[in-house]
Amino acid sequence: MQAHPIIDRFERTWAVIEYSDSFFRFPRVLLPPEAKEGSVLRFDVRVNEEATTERRERIKDLENELFR
């Protein structure tokens, strides 16, 4: 049986997530409003290639300005 992330509890602005015998904190504001203790979660994490490229370009421009 595959482990699923489950909301164990809320601590102020954090949700404490249990996943495969481990716990981690996740910002509560990033959860859907209907999420509550005991909810089973599904994460769909992807890299935003466009935003990553823009960020790298912005940093490179700043470096060029600083080290001319």
Protein backbone atom coordinates (compact mmCIF):
# COMPACT_ATOMS: atom_id res chain seq x y z
CA MET A 1 0.00 0.00 0.00
CA GLN A 2 1.36 3.42 -0.95
CA ALA A 3 1.66 6.12 1.71
CA HIS A 4 -0.40 9.26 1.31
CA PRO A 5 0.27 12.63 2.92
CA ILE A 6 -2.29 13.31 5.64
CA ILE A 7 -2.91 16.47 7.65
CA ASP A 8 -2.10 15.49 11.22
CA ARG A 9 -2.86 18.86 12.80
CA PHE A 10 -2.66 22.61 12.40
CA GLU A 11 -0.19 24.78 14.32
CA ARG A 12 -1.06 28.42 13.76
CA THR A 13 -0.11 29.16 10.14
CA TRP A 14 1.28 25.68 9.49
CA ALA A 15 -0.24 22.32 8.67
CA VAL A 16 1.70 19.38 10.07
CA ILE A 17 1.68 16.70 7.41
CA GLU A 18 2.36 13.04 8.12
CA TYR A 19 3.93 11.12 5.26
CA SER A 20 5.42 7.66 5.48
CA ASP A 21 6.33 7.76 9.20
CA SER A 22 7.72 11.32 8.87
CA PHE A 23 6.25 14.72 9.61
CA PHE A 24 6.83 18.07 7.93
CA ARG A 25 5.29 21.51 8.15
CA PHE A 26 3.52 23.04 5.16
CA PRO A 27 2.15 26.59 4.90
CA ARG A 28 -1.55 26.44 5.70
CA VAL A 29 -2.28 29.26 3.24
CA LEU A 30 -1.23 26.97 0.36
CA LEU A 31 -3.84 24.35 1.23
CA PRO A 32 -7.36 24.45 -0.17
CA PRO A 33 -9.93 25.95 2.22
CA GLU A 34 -11.71 22.62 2.68
CA ALA A 35 -8.57 20.90 4.02
CA LYS A 36 -8.88 19.80 7.63
CA GLU A 37 -7.22 17.44 10.10
CA GLY A 38 -7.33 13.93 8.70
CA SER A 39 -7.61 15.08 5.07
CA VAL A 40 -5.58 13.01 2.62
CA LEU A 41 -3.62 15.26 0.29
CA ARG A 42 -2.35 14.96 -3.24
CA PHE A 43 0.61 17.10 -4.27
CA ASP A 44 1.26 18.00 -7.89
CA VAL A 45 4.67 19.62 -7.84
CA ARG A 46 6.17 20.80 -11.11
CA VAL A 47 9.00 23.12 -12.07
CA ASN A 48 7.85 26.35 -13.68
CA GLU A 49 10.47 26.47 -16.43
CA GLU A 50 9.46 29.92 -17.70
CA ALA A 51 9.63 31.56 -14.27
CA THR A 52 12.91 29.76 -13.52
CA THR A 53 14.49 31.06 -16.72
CA GLU A 54 13.26 34.61 -16.04
CA ARG A 55 14.68 34.46 -12.50
CA ARG A 56 18.06 33.22 -13.71
CA GLU A 57 18.21 35.98 -16.31
CA ARG A 58 17.31 38.63 -13.72
CA ILE A 59 20.04 37.36 -11.37
CA LYS A 60 22.58 37.29 -14.20
CA ASP A 61 21.69 40.90 -15.10
CA LEU A 62 22.17 41.95 -11.46
CA GLU A 63 25.52 40.17 -11.32
CA ASN A 64 26.63 41.91 -14.50
CA GLU A 65 25.68 45.30 -13.02
CA LEU A 66 27.55 44.60 -9.78
CA PHE A 67 30.72 43.17 -11.31
CA ARG A 68 31.32 45.41 -14.33
